[in-house]
Amino acid sequence: MVYPHNGIHIVESTVKKNKLPILLVHGTDDDFVPCEMTRQGYAVCSGPKELMLIVGADHGTSFLVDTPRYKQTVFAFLNRTVGEEHELL
């Protein structure tokens, strides 16, 4: 399913042509933005990509629900893509 907004397909228009590394993070219990939107964005993204789904997280709460995994994933992504060592805080 594509979620149109003013005639523009948000998912396709924002990530389909992307060539930069992207980390998509989404809570599985998000009832504001459907998790399927992020899955669809991941599927159509043509650049290097990573998807982290946080089970039980609502909209904007992924960090709070699983802080250790969130930090580990974000810093590992930065280390791979930016090329500098980032430490867990």
N, C-alpha and C. Protein backbone atom coordinates (compact mmCIF):
# COMPACT_ATOMS: atom_id res chain seq x y z
N MET A 1 0.84 -1.18 0.00
CA MET A 1 0.00 0.00 0.00
C MET A 1 0.88 1.25 0.00
N VAL A 2 0.51 2.23 -0.78
CA VAL A 2 1.20 3.51 -0.82
C VAL A 2 0.29 4.53 -0.15
N TYR A 3 0.87 5.43 0.64
CA TYR A 3 0.09 6.41 1.38
C TYR A 3 0.21 7.76 0.69
N PRO A 4 -0.79 8.14 -0.12
CA PRO A 4 -0.70 9.41 -0.85
C PRO A 4 -0.92 10.62 0.05
N HIS A 5 -0.25 11.70 -0.27
CA HIS A 5 -0.42 12.97 0.44
C HIS A 5 -0.38 14.06 -0.61
N ASN A 6 -1.50 14.71 -0.81
CA ASN A 6 -1.60 15.76 -1.84
C ASN A 6 -1.11 15.27 -3.20
N GLY A 7 -1.45 14.03 -3.54
CA GLY A 7 -1.07 13.51 -4.84
C GLY A 7 0.35 13.01 -4.92
N ILE A 8 1.11 13.11 -3.85
CA ILE A 8 2.50 12.67 -3.84
C ILE A 8 2.59 11.39 -3.02
N HIS A 9 3.27 10.41 -3.53
CA HIS A 9 3.47 9.18 -2.77
C HIS A 9 4.68 9.40 -1.87
N ILE A 10 4.41 9.61 -0.59
CA ILE A 10 5.45 9.98 0.37
C ILE A 10 6.61 9.00 0.36
N VAL A 11 6.32 7.74 0.53
CA VAL A 11 7.38 6.74 0.64
C VAL A 11 8.23 6.72 -0.61
N GLU A 12 7.60 6.61 -1.75
CA GLU A 12 8.35 6.53 -2.99
C GLU A 12 9.13 7.80 -3.28
N SER A 13 8.52 8.95 -3.04
CA SER A 13 9.20 10.20 -3.38
C SER A 13 10.36 10.52 -2.46
N THR A 14 10.38 9.94 -1.26
CA THR A 14 11.44 10.29 -0.32
C THR A 14 12.59 9.30 -0.31
N VAL A 15 12.37 8.06 -0.60
CA VAL A 15 13.47 7.10 -0.51
C VAL A 15 13.76 6.29 -1.77
N LYS A 16 12.86 6.29 -2.72
CA LYS A 16 13.05 5.44 -3.89
C LYS A 16 14.33 5.77 -4.66
N LYS A 17 14.64 7.05 -4.76
CA LYS A 17 15.83 7.47 -5.51
C LYS A 17 17.05 7.67 -4.61
N ASN A 18 16.90 7.38 -3.35
CA ASN A 18 18.00 7.59 -2.40
C ASN A 18 19.20 6.69 -2.71
N LYS A 19 20.40 7.27 -2.68
CA LYS A 19 21.63 6.51 -2.89
C LYS A 19 22.52 6.57 -1.64
N LEU A 20 22.12 7.35 -0.65
CA LEU A 20 22.89 7.50 0.58
C LEU A 20 22.48 6.44 1.59
N PRO A 21 23.39 6.07 2.50
CA PRO A 21 23.01 5.12 3.54
C PRO A 21 21.86 5.67 4.39
N ILE A 22 20.93 4.80 4.70
CA ILE A 22 19.77 5.23 5.49
C ILE A 22 19.45 4.17 6.54
N LEU A 23 19.17 4.63 7.74
CA LEU A 23 18.74 3.76 8.83
C LEU A 23 17.29 4.13 9.15
N LEU A 24 16.41 3.18 8.96
CA LEU A 24 14.99 3.40 9.24
C LEU A 24 14.66 2.72 10.57
N VAL A 25 14.08 3.49 11.49
CA VAL A 25 13.72 2.98 12.81
C VAL A 25 12.22 3.19 13.00
N HIS A 26 11.55 2.13 13.45
CA HIS A 26 10.10 2.24 13.63
C HIS A 26 9.64 1.32 14.74
N GLY A 27 8.70 1.80 15.53
CA GLY A 27 8.08 0.99 16.57
C GLY A 27 6.93 0.19 16.01
N THR A 28 6.85 -1.08 16.39
CA THR A 28 5.80 -1.95 15.84
C THR A 28 4.41 -1.60 16.35
N ASP A 29 4.33 -0.88 17.47
CA ASP A 29 3.02 -0.50 18.01
C ASP A 29 2.63 0.94 17.68
N ASP A 30 3.30 1.53 16.70
CA ASP A 30 3.01 2.91 16.29
C ASP A 30 1.64 2.95 15.62
N ASP A 31 0.73 3.71 16.19
CA ASP A 31 -0.60 3.84 15.58
C ASP A 31 -0.80 5.21 14.94
N PHE A 32 0.27 6.00 14.89
CA PHE A 32 0.22 7.31 14.24
C PHE A 32 0.73 7.22 12.80
N VAL A 33 1.90 6.60 12.63
CA VAL A 33 2.46 6.32 11.32
C VAL A 33 2.54 4.80 11.19
N PRO A 34 1.82 4.22 10.25
CA PRO A 34 1.82 2.76 10.13
C PRO A 34 3.22 2.19 9.88
N CYS A 35 3.55 1.13 10.59
CA CYS A 35 4.84 0.47 10.43
C CYS A 35 5.03 0.01 8.98
N GLU A 36 3.95 -0.29 8.32
CA GLU A 36 4.02 -0.72 6.92
C GLU A 36 4.65 0.36 6.03
N MET A 37 4.48 1.63 6.39
CA MET A 37 5.10 2.70 5.60
C MET A 37 6.62 2.57 5.63
N THR A 38 7.17 2.26 6.78
CA THR A 38 8.62 2.12 6.90
C THR A 38 9.08 0.86 6.18
N ARG A 39 8.33 -0.21 6.31
CA ARG A 39 8.69 -1.44 5.58
C ARG A 39 8.67 -1.19 4.08
N GLN A 40 7.68 -0.45 3.63
CA GLN A 40 7.59 -0.16 2.20
C GLN A 40 8.75 0.74 1.77
N GLY A 41 9.08 1.73 2.58
CA GLY A 41 10.23 2.58 2.28
C GLY A 41 11.51 1.79 2.18
N TYR A 42 11.68 0.86 3.09
CA TYR A 42 12.86 -0.01 3.07
C TYR A 42 12.89 -0.82 1.78
N ALA A 43 11.74 -1.35 1.39
CA ALA A 43 11.67 -2.20 0.20
C ALA A 43 12.03 -1.44 -1.08
N VAL A 44 11.63 -0.18 -1.18
CA VAL A 44 11.88 0.56 -2.43
C VAL A 44 13.19 1.35 -2.42
N CYS A 45 13.82 1.49 -1.27
CA CYS A 45 15.06 2.26 -1.18
C CYS A 45 16.16 1.55 -1.96
N SER A 46 16.83 2.29 -2.84
CA SER A 46 17.84 1.66 -3.69
C SER A 46 19.26 1.82 -3.14
N GLY A 47 19.45 2.64 -2.13
CA GLY A 47 20.77 2.83 -1.55
C GLY A 47 21.03 1.84 -0.43
N PRO A 48 22.20 1.95 0.20
CA PRO A 48 22.48 1.10 1.37
C PRO A 48 21.45 1.39 2.46
N LYS A 49 20.91 0.34 3.04
CA LYS A 49 19.81 0.55 3.96
C LYS A 49 19.86 -0.45 5.11
N GLU A 50 19.24 -0.03 6.20
CA GLU A 50 19.10 -0.89 7.36
C GLU A 50 17.75 -0.57 8.00
N LEU A 51 17.07 -1.60 8.47
CA LEU A 51 15.77 -1.44 9.09
C LEU A 51 15.84 -1.99 10.51
N MET A 52 15.44 -1.16 11.47
CA MET A 52 15.35 -1.59 12.85
C MET A 52 13.92 -1.39 13.33
N LEU A 53 13.24 -2.49 13.60
CA LEU A 53 11.90 -2.43 14.15
C LEU A 53 12.00 -2.72 15.64
N ILE A 54 11.41 -1.84 16.44
CA ILE A 54 11.43 -1.99 17.88
C ILE A 54 10.07 -2.54 18.33
N VAL A 55 10.06 -3.79 18.73
CA VAL A 55 8.82 -4.45 19.15
C VAL A 55 8.26 -3.77 20.40
N GLY A 56 6.99 -3.40 20.30
CA GLY A 56 6.30 -2.79 21.43
C GLY A 56 6.41 -1.28 21.52
N ALA A 57 7.21 -0.66 20.65
CA ALA A 57 7.38 0.80 20.70
C ALA A 57 6.25 1.50 19.95
N ASP A 58 5.74 2.55 20.57
CA ASP A 58 4.73 3.39 19.96
C ASP A 58 5.45 4.51 19.21
N HIS A 59 4.72 5.44 18.66
CA HIS A 59 5.29 6.54 17.89
C HIS A 59 6.27 7.36 18.73
N GLY A 60 7.51 7.44 18.29
CA GLY A 60 8.52 8.25 18.96
C GLY A 60 9.08 7.66 20.24
N THR A 61 8.81 6.39 20.51
CA THR A 61 9.29 5.80 21.77
C THR A 61 10.31 4.69 21.59
N SER A 62 10.81 4.49 20.40
CA SER A 62 11.76 3.40 20.14
C SER A 62 12.97 3.47 21.07
N PHE A 63 13.52 4.65 21.25
CA PHE A 63 14.69 4.82 22.11
C PHE A 63 14.36 4.42 23.55
N LEU A 64 13.19 4.80 24.02
CA LEU A 64 12.81 4.52 25.40
C LEU A 64 12.50 3.04 25.62
N VAL A 65 11.94 2.38 24.63
CA VAL A 65 11.55 0.98 24.76
C VAL A 65 12.76 0.05 24.74
N ASP A 66 13.73 0.33 23.91
CA ASP A 66 14.92 -0.54 23.83
C ASP A 66 16.18 0.31 23.62
N THR A 67 16.54 1.06 24.66
CA THR A 67 17.67 1.97 24.60
C THR A 67 18.98 1.28 24.22
N PRO A 68 19.34 0.14 24.82
CA PRO A 68 20.62 -0.49 24.45
C PRO A 68 20.69 -0.87 22.97
N ARG A 69 19.66 -1.49 22.45
CA ARG A 69 19.65 -1.88 21.03
C ARG A 69 19.66 -0.65 20.13
N TYR A 70 18.88 0.35 20.48
CA TYR A 70 18.81 1.58 19.71
C TYR A 70 20.19 2.21 19.60
N LYS A 71 20.85 2.39 20.75
CA LYS A 71 22.18 3.00 20.74
C LYS A 71 23.18 2.16 19.95
N GLN A 72 23.18 0.87 20.19
CA GLN A 72 24.12 -0.01 19.50
C GLN A 72 23.92 0.06 17.98
N THR A 73 22.68 0.02 17.55
CA THR A 73 22.39 0.04 16.11
C THR A 73 22.76 1.39 15.48
N VAL A 74 22.40 2.48 16.14
CA VAL A 74 22.70 3.81 15.60
C VAL A 74 24.21 4.05 15.53
N PHE A 75 24.92 3.73 16.59
CA PHE A 75 26.37 3.95 16.58
C PHE A 75 27.07 3.04 15.60
N ALA A 76 26.64 1.79 15.46
CA ALA A 76 27.23 0.89 14.47
C ALA A 76 26.98 1.43 13.06
N PHE A 77 25.78 1.94 12.82
CA PHE A 77 25.44 2.52 11.52
C PHE A 77 26.34 3.73 11.23
N LEU A 78 26.50 4.60 12.22
CA LEU A 78 27.37 5.77 12.04
C LEU A 78 28.81 5.36 11.80
N ASN A 79 29.29 4.39 12.53
CA ASN A 79 30.66 3.93 12.35
C ASN A 79 30.89 3.38 10.95
N ARG A 80 29.91 2.67 10.42
CA ARG A 80 30.03 2.12 9.06
C ARG A 80 29.90 3.19 7.99
N THR A 81 29.02 4.13 8.18
CA THR A 81 28.70 5.07 7.10
C THR A 81 29.48 6.37 7.15
N VAL A 82 29.79 6.85 8.34
CA VAL A 82 30.52 8.11 8.46
C VAL A 82 32.02 7.85 8.49
N GLY A 83 32.40 6.69 8.98
CA GLY A 83 33.80 6.32 8.98
C GLY A 83 34.58 6.81 10.19
N GLU A 84 33.89 7.31 11.19
CA GLU A 84 34.54 7.73 12.41
C GLU A 84 34.01 6.85 13.53
N GLU A 85 34.82 6.64 14.54
CA GLU A 85 34.39 5.84 15.68
C GLU A 85 33.50 6.67 16.59
N HIS A 86 32.33 6.20 16.86
CA HIS A 86 31.40 6.84 17.80
C HIS A 86 31.23 5.90 18.97
N GLU A 87 31.25 6.45 20.17
CA GLU A 87 31.13 5.63 21.37
C GLU A 87 29.72 5.67 21.92
N LEU A 88 29.34 4.56 22.54
CA LEU A 88 28.06 4.53 23.22
C LEU A 88 28.13 5.43 24.44
N LEU A 89 27.12 6.21 24.65
CA LEU A 89 27.08 7.10 25.81
C LEU A 89 26.35 6.45 26.96
